[in-house]
C-alpha cells in the first residue's frame, strides 16, 4: 500500500471508545451470547458516525480499538493494514496478520 495513504488511514482516524459510542448512539442488543450483548449493525457509518448511504463503505478501526459482538445484514471484509488483529467468531478466536483478508457472511456475529 502507498505509504502516504497508509499514513492517512492510520494517523488521521479518530480513536473512539465503545463506551462513548454506546452512550451516544444507545444501541439495543438484538440478543446475548455467553452473557455479552450482540448488536445489529445494519447501517454503515462514516467517520462522524453519520449514516453512509453509499452501497460500499470503507471503515478504518484504530489500532487497539474494541468492537463488541455484532452482526450485519451485509457482507463485511476485514483486513489489518498494519500489525495483527484478533477476532472472536462466536466461541472461536481467529488471528489475522498484515496482508490477511477475512470475509464475514451475513448474520455471523463477531467481536474485534
Protein backbone atom coordinates (compact mmCIF):
# COMPACT_ATOMS: atom_id res chain seq x y z
CA UNK A 1 0.00 0.00 0.00
CA UNK A 2 1.17 3.51 -0.76
CA UNK A 3 2.86 4.89 2.41
CA UNK A 4 1.02 8.23 2.09
CA UNK A 5 -2.41 6.53 2.02
CA UNK A 6 -1.45 4.19 4.85
CA UNK A 7 -0.40 7.19 6.94
CA UNK A 8 -3.75 8.88 6.28
CA UNK A 9 -5.73 5.77 7.21
CA UNK A 10 -3.79 5.09 10.39
CA UNK A 11 -2.94 8.52 11.75
CA UNK A 12 -5.95 10.60 10.70
CA UNK A 13 -8.54 8.25 12.18
CA UNK A 14 -10.12 9.44 15.39
CA UNK A 15 -9.94 6.98 18.27
CA UNK A 16 -13.34 6.41 19.86
CA UNK A 17 -14.05 4.27 22.88
CA UNK A 18 -17.01 1.88 22.64
CA UNK A 19 -18.46 3.28 25.89
CA UNK A 20 -18.60 6.76 24.29
CA UNK A 21 -20.28 5.41 21.15
CA UNK A 22 -22.66 3.33 23.24
CA UNK A 23 -23.74 6.29 25.36
CA UNK A 24 -24.25 8.49 22.27
CA UNK A 25 -26.00 6.03 19.97
CA UNK A 26 -27.72 3.89 22.62
CA UNK A 27 -27.70 0.62 20.65
CA UNK A 28 -30.10 -2.07 21.81
CA UNK A 29 -28.75 -5.62 21.94
CA UNK A 30 -30.51 -7.95 19.49
CA UNK A 31 -29.55 -10.93 21.63
CA UNK A 32 -26.95 -12.15 24.10
CA UNK A 33 -24.12 -14.64 23.65
CA UNK A 34 -22.29 -16.04 26.70
CA UNK A 35 -23.73 -13.14 28.71
CA UNK A 36 -22.41 -10.48 26.31
CA UNK A 37 -24.70 -8.28 24.20
CA UNK A 38 -24.77 -8.83 20.43
CA UNK A 39 -25.71 -5.74 18.41
CA UNK A 40 -27.24 -5.37 14.96
CA UNK A 41 -25.10 -3.09 12.83
CA UNK A 42 -27.35 -2.73 9.78
CA UNK A 43 -26.11 0.65 8.54
CA UNK A 44 -22.66 1.82 7.55
CA UNK A 45 -21.47 4.93 9.34
CA UNK A 46 -18.89 7.46 8.23
CA UNK A 47 -16.13 8.83 10.46
CA UNK A 48 -18.51 11.33 12.06
CA UNK A 49 -20.92 8.44 12.89
CA UNK A 50 -23.48 9.67 10.34
CA UNK A 51 -25.23 7.11 8.12
CA UNK A 52 -23.32 6.46 4.90
CA UNK A 53 -25.82 5.84 2.08
CA UNK A 54 -23.20 4.59 -0.40
CA UNK A 55 -23.51 0.91 -1.40
CA UNK A 56 -19.91 0.22 -0.38
CA UNK A 57 -18.25 1.72 2.66
CA UNK A 58 -14.71 1.66 3.99
CA UNK A 59 -14.24 1.99 7.71
CA UNK A 60 -10.90 2.01 9.46
CA UNK A 61 -10.72 0.93 13.06
CA UNK A 62 -7.85 2.47 15.02
CA UNK A 63 -5.16 0.23 16.48
CA UNK A 64 -6.29 -1.38 19.74
CA UNK A 65 -9.94 -0.46 19.16
CA UNK A 66 -12.75 -2.60 20.54
CA UNK A 67 -15.93 -3.57 18.70
CA UNK A 68 -18.37 -5.70 20.74
CA UNK A 69 -20.18 -8.75 19.39
CA UNK A 70 -22.22 -7.66 16.41
CA UNK A 71 -23.64 -8.83 13.11
CA UNK A 72 -24.61 -7.23 9.82
CA UNK A 73 -27.23 -7.70 7.13
CA UNK A 74 -24.41 -7.35 4.60
CA UNK A 75 -21.02 -8.94 3.98
CA UNK A 76 -18.06 -7.45 5.86
CA UNK A 77 -14.40 -7.68 4.79
CA UNK A 78 -11.75 -7.23 7.46
CA UNK A 79 -8.05 -6.85 6.81
CA UNK A 80 -5.33 -5.46 9.07
CA UNK A 81 -3.47 -2.62 7.38
CA UNK A 82 -0.61 -2.97 9.83
CA UNK A 83 0.19 -5.42 12.61
CA UNK A 84 -2.17 -8.12 13.89
CA UNK A 85 -5.83 -8.38 14.80
CA UNK A 86 -7.81 -10.92 16.84
CA UNK A 87 -11.44 -11.63 16.02
CA UNK A 88 -13.83 -13.71 18.09
CA UNK A 89 -16.28 -15.59 15.88
CA UNK A 90 -18.76 -16.77 18.47
CA UNK A 91 -16.52 -19.14 20.55
CA UNK A 92 -13.55 -19.32 18.17
CA UNK A 93 -10.61 -16.89 18.05
CA UNK A 94 -9.10 -16.03 14.67
CA UNK A 95 -5.80 -14.17 14.50
CA UNK A 96 -5.25 -12.06 11.38
CA UNK A 97 -1.93 -10.62 10.30
CA UNK A 98 -0.99 -7.82 7.93
CA UNK A 99 -1.92 -8.98 4.42
CA UNK A 100 -4.71 -11.37 5.54
CA UNK A 101 -8.33 -10.89 4.49
CA UNK A 102 -11.35 -12.22 6.39
CA UNK A 103 -14.85 -12.15 4.91
CA UNK A 104 -17.77 -12.37 7.32
CA UNK A 105 -21.12 -13.51 5.98
CA UNK A 106 -24.44 -12.02 6.95
CA UNK A 107 -25.76 -12.79 10.43
CA UNK A 108 -22.44 -14.30 11.72
CA UNK A 109 -21.60 -12.45 14.87
CA UNK A 110 -18.08 -11.39 15.71
CA UNK A 111 -16.16 -9.31 18.24
CA UNK A 112 -12.99 -7.40 17.34
